[in-house]
Amino acid sequence: MESELLRSGIKYVPPIDFGKALYVICRVVKPMTVVETGVAAGLSTSYILYALEKNRGEQLHSIDMPDYEMELIKDSKLSY
């Protein structure tokens, strides 16, 4: 999975074990609501959603900001 994400051109892939840790935390704690800030490639999101599905009935709210770094890159290319 990590190699596929890297080939897609994304800049950051969290360690796979991090996703597994989130899965275990969600399964053990059984939160009613999870708020995730910074979605990136969605790897953590998939682990959280899978755990919440197994727990039945919880909600995930994901908040992501625009990729301002990409905007800066576009602007710098225009100035050349």
N, C-alpha and C. Protein backbone atom coordinates (compact mmCIF):
# COMPACT_ATOMS: atom_id res chain seq x y z
N MET A 1 0.83 -1.18 0.00
CA MET A 1 0.00 0.00 0.00
C MET A 1 0.88 1.25 0.00
N GLU A 2 1.93 1.25 0.80
CA GLU A 2 2.80 2.42 0.90
C GLU A 2 3.45 2.74 -0.45
N SER A 3 3.90 1.72 -1.17
CA SER A 3 4.55 1.97 -2.46
C SER A 3 3.56 2.54 -3.46
N GLU A 4 2.31 2.11 -3.42
CA GLU A 4 1.29 2.66 -4.32
C GLU A 4 1.04 4.13 -4.01
N LEU A 5 0.98 4.47 -2.74
CA LEU A 5 0.77 5.87 -2.36
C LEU A 5 1.94 6.73 -2.81
N LEU A 6 3.14 6.25 -2.64
CA LEU A 6 4.32 7.02 -3.06
C LEU A 6 4.35 7.22 -4.57
N ARG A 7 3.95 6.21 -5.32
CA ARG A 7 3.90 6.33 -6.78
C ARG A 7 2.86 7.35 -7.23
N SER A 8 1.85 7.59 -6.41
CA SER A 8 0.79 8.52 -6.78
C SER A 8 1.26 9.97 -6.71
N GLY A 9 2.44 10.20 -6.12
CA GLY A 9 2.98 11.55 -6.06
C GLY A 9 2.74 12.28 -4.76
N ILE A 10 2.11 11.64 -3.78
CA ILE A 10 1.92 12.32 -2.51
C ILE A 10 3.26 12.48 -1.81
N LYS A 11 3.33 13.44 -0.90
CA LYS A 11 4.60 13.77 -0.26
C LYS A 11 4.83 13.05 1.05
N TYR A 12 3.76 12.65 1.71
CA TYR A 12 3.92 12.07 3.05
C TYR A 12 3.10 10.80 3.17
N VAL A 13 3.72 9.75 3.60
CA VAL A 13 3.02 8.51 3.91
C VAL A 13 3.37 8.16 5.35
N PRO A 14 2.37 8.17 6.25
CA PRO A 14 2.67 7.85 7.63
C PRO A 14 3.10 6.39 7.75
N PRO A 15 3.84 6.08 8.78
CA PRO A 15 4.25 4.67 8.96
C PRO A 15 3.01 3.78 9.06
N ILE A 16 3.06 2.62 8.44
CA ILE A 16 1.92 1.70 8.45
C ILE A 16 1.56 1.34 9.89
N ASP A 17 2.54 1.18 10.77
CA ASP A 17 2.26 0.83 12.17
C ASP A 17 1.43 1.90 12.87
N PHE A 18 1.55 3.15 12.42
CA PHE A 18 0.77 4.23 13.00
C PHE A 18 -0.72 3.98 12.76
N GLY A 19 -1.06 3.56 11.56
CA GLY A 19 -2.46 3.25 11.25
C GLY A 19 -2.96 2.09 12.09
N LYS A 20 -2.13 1.09 12.26
CA LYS A 20 -2.52 -0.06 13.10
C LYS A 20 -2.74 0.37 14.54
N ALA A 21 -1.90 1.29 15.01
CA ALA A 21 -2.07 1.80 16.38
C ALA A 21 -3.40 2.53 16.52
N LEU A 22 -3.75 3.34 15.53
CA LEU A 22 -5.04 4.03 15.56
C LEU A 22 -6.20 3.05 15.57
N TYR A 23 -6.06 1.99 14.79
CA TYR A 23 -7.09 0.95 14.75
C TYR A 23 -7.28 0.35 16.13
N VAL A 24 -6.18 -0.04 16.77
CA VAL A 24 -6.27 -0.68 18.09
C VAL A 24 -6.85 0.29 19.11
N ILE A 25 -6.41 1.53 19.08
CA ILE A 25 -6.93 2.53 20.03
C ILE A 25 -8.44 2.67 19.88
N CYS A 26 -8.91 2.78 18.64
CA CYS A 26 -10.35 2.94 18.41
C CYS A 26 -11.14 1.69 18.82
N ARG A 27 -10.55 0.52 18.61
CA ARG A 27 -11.24 -0.71 19.00
C ARG A 27 -11.33 -0.85 20.52
N VAL A 28 -10.27 -0.44 21.23
CA VAL A 28 -10.24 -0.60 22.68
C VAL A 28 -11.05 0.49 23.38
N VAL A 29 -10.84 1.74 22.97
CA VAL A 29 -11.50 2.88 23.64
C VAL A 29 -12.98 2.97 23.26
N LYS A 30 -13.31 2.56 22.03
CA LYS A 30 -14.68 2.61 21.50
C LYS A 30 -15.29 4.01 21.61
N PRO A 31 -14.63 5.00 20.99
CA PRO A 31 -15.15 6.37 21.08
C PRO A 31 -16.45 6.50 20.30
N MET A 32 -17.32 7.39 20.74
CA MET A 32 -18.57 7.66 20.02
C MET A 32 -18.30 8.54 18.79
N THR A 33 -17.33 9.45 18.92
CA THR A 33 -16.98 10.36 17.83
C THR A 33 -15.47 10.51 17.77
N VAL A 34 -14.93 10.49 16.56
CA VAL A 34 -13.51 10.73 16.35
C VAL A 34 -13.40 11.94 15.42
N VAL A 35 -12.53 12.88 15.77
CA VAL A 35 -12.25 14.03 14.92
C VAL A 35 -10.81 13.92 14.46
N GLU A 36 -10.63 13.89 13.16
CA GLU A 36 -9.31 13.77 12.56
C GLU A 36 -8.98 15.08 11.85
N THR A 37 -7.84 15.65 12.17
CA THR A 37 -7.42 16.87 11.48
C THR A 37 -6.20 16.56 10.63
N GLY A 38 -6.26 16.91 9.37
CA GLY A 38 -5.17 16.61 8.44
C GLY A 38 -5.33 15.22 7.87
N VAL A 39 -5.94 15.11 6.72
CA VAL A 39 -6.26 13.81 6.14
C VAL A 39 -5.12 13.26 5.29
N ALA A 40 -4.39 14.12 4.61
CA ALA A 40 -3.27 13.71 3.73
C ALA A 40 -3.74 12.65 2.75
N ALA A 41 -3.09 11.49 2.74
CA ALA A 41 -3.42 10.43 1.77
C ALA A 41 -4.62 9.59 2.20
N GLY A 42 -5.05 9.73 3.45
CA GLY A 42 -6.21 8.98 3.92
C GLY A 42 -5.90 7.63 4.52
N LEU A 43 -4.63 7.33 4.73
CA LEU A 43 -4.26 6.03 5.29
C LEU A 43 -4.80 5.89 6.72
N SER A 44 -4.57 6.90 7.55
CA SER A 44 -5.09 6.85 8.93
C SER A 44 -6.61 6.79 8.92
N THR A 45 -7.21 7.55 8.02
CA THR A 45 -8.67 7.56 7.90
C THR A 45 -9.21 6.16 7.67
N SER A 46 -8.55 5.41 6.79
CA SER A 46 -9.05 4.07 6.47
C SER A 46 -8.97 3.14 7.69
N TYR A 47 -7.89 3.24 8.46
CA TYR A 47 -7.78 2.41 9.67
C TYR A 47 -8.83 2.81 10.71
N ILE A 48 -9.04 4.10 10.88
CA ILE A 48 -10.03 4.57 11.85
C ILE A 48 -11.43 4.11 11.42
N LEU A 49 -11.76 4.30 10.14
CA LEU A 49 -13.08 3.90 9.67
C LEU A 49 -13.31 2.41 9.81
N TYR A 50 -12.29 1.62 9.54
CA TYR A 50 -12.44 0.17 9.68
C TYR A 50 -12.72 -0.20 11.14
N ALA A 51 -12.00 0.42 12.06
CA ALA A 51 -12.22 0.15 13.49
C ALA A 51 -13.62 0.60 13.91
N LEU A 52 -14.03 1.76 13.46
CA LEU A 52 -15.36 2.26 13.82
C LEU A 52 -16.46 1.37 13.24
N GLU A 53 -16.24 0.86 12.05
CA GLU A 53 -17.21 -0.07 11.46
C GLU A 53 -17.34 -1.33 12.30
N LYS A 54 -16.21 -1.84 12.77
CA LYS A 54 -16.23 -3.03 13.63
C LYS A 54 -16.93 -2.75 14.95
N ASN A 55 -16.77 -1.52 15.47
CA ASN A 55 -17.40 -1.14 16.74
C ASN A 55 -18.90 -0.88 16.58
N ARG A 56 -19.33 -0.57 15.38
CA ARG A 56 -20.74 -0.32 15.03
C ARG A 56 -21.30 0.96 15.64
N GLY A 57 -21.50 1.94 14.79
CA GLY A 57 -22.27 3.10 15.20
C GLY A 57 -21.52 4.38 15.52
N GLU A 58 -20.22 4.39 15.51
CA GLU A 58 -19.48 5.61 15.83
C GLU A 58 -19.35 6.47 14.58
N GLN A 59 -18.86 7.72 14.78
CA GLN A 59 -18.72 8.67 13.68
C GLN A 59 -17.30 9.18 13.58
N LEU A 60 -16.86 9.40 12.34
CA LEU A 60 -15.56 10.03 12.09
C LEU A 60 -15.83 11.34 11.36
N HIS A 61 -15.25 12.42 11.89
CA HIS A 61 -15.30 13.73 11.25
C HIS A 61 -13.87 14.07 10.85
N SER A 62 -13.62 14.16 9.55
CA SER A 62 -12.28 14.47 9.04
C SER A 62 -12.24 15.91 8.56
N ILE A 63 -11.23 16.64 9.00
CA ILE A 63 -11.06 18.04 8.62
C ILE A 63 -9.71 18.17 7.95
N ASP A 64 -9.72 18.70 6.73
CA ASP A 64 -8.47 18.88 6.01
C ASP A 64 -8.41 20.31 5.48
N MET A 65 -7.23 20.85 5.44
CA MET A 65 -7.03 22.20 4.94
C MET A 65 -6.52 22.13 3.50
N PRO A 66 -6.69 23.21 2.74
CA PRO A 66 -6.14 23.23 1.39
C PRO A 66 -4.62 23.06 1.43
N ASP A 67 -4.08 22.56 0.35
CA ASP A 67 -2.65 22.35 0.24
C ASP A 67 -1.98 23.66 -0.18
N TYR A 68 -1.69 24.50 0.81
CA TYR A 68 -1.11 25.80 0.52
C TYR A 68 0.28 25.70 -0.09
N GLU A 69 0.98 24.62 0.22
CA GLU A 69 2.31 24.42 -0.35
C GLU A 69 2.22 24.33 -1.87
N MET A 70 1.22 23.63 -2.37
CA MET A 70 1.05 23.52 -3.82
C MET A 70 0.75 24.88 -4.44
N GLU A 71 -0.01 25.71 -3.74
CA GLU A 71 -0.30 27.05 -4.24
C GLU A 71 0.98 27.88 -4.35
N LEU A 72 1.86 27.74 -3.36
CA LEU A 72 3.13 28.47 -3.39
C LEU A 72 3.99 28.00 -4.56
N ILE A 73 3.98 26.71 -4.81
CA ILE A 73 4.77 26.18 -5.93
C ILE A 73 4.23 26.72 -7.25
N LYS A 74 2.90 26.72 -7.41
CA LYS A 74 2.30 27.26 -8.63
C LYS A 74 2.67 28.72 -8.82
N ASP A 75 2.58 29.51 -7.74
CA ASP A 75 2.89 30.94 -7.81
C ASP A 75 4.35 31.16 -8.18
N SER A 76 5.27 30.35 -7.64
CA SER A 76 6.68 30.55 -7.93
C SER A 76 7.00 30.21 -9.38
N LYS A 77 6.28 29.24 -9.96
CA LYS A 77 6.51 28.89 -11.37
C LYS A 77 6.04 30.02 -12.28
N LEU A 78 5.00 30.72 -11.87
CA LEU A 78 4.50 31.81 -12.70
C LEU A 78 5.44 32.99 -12.75
N SER A 79 6.25 33.14 -11.72
CA SER A 79 7.12 34.32 -11.66
C SER A 79 8.40 34.15 -12.46
N TYR A 80 8.67 32.97 -13.01
CA TYR A 80 9.90 32.76 -13.77
C TYR A 80 9.76 33.22 -15.19
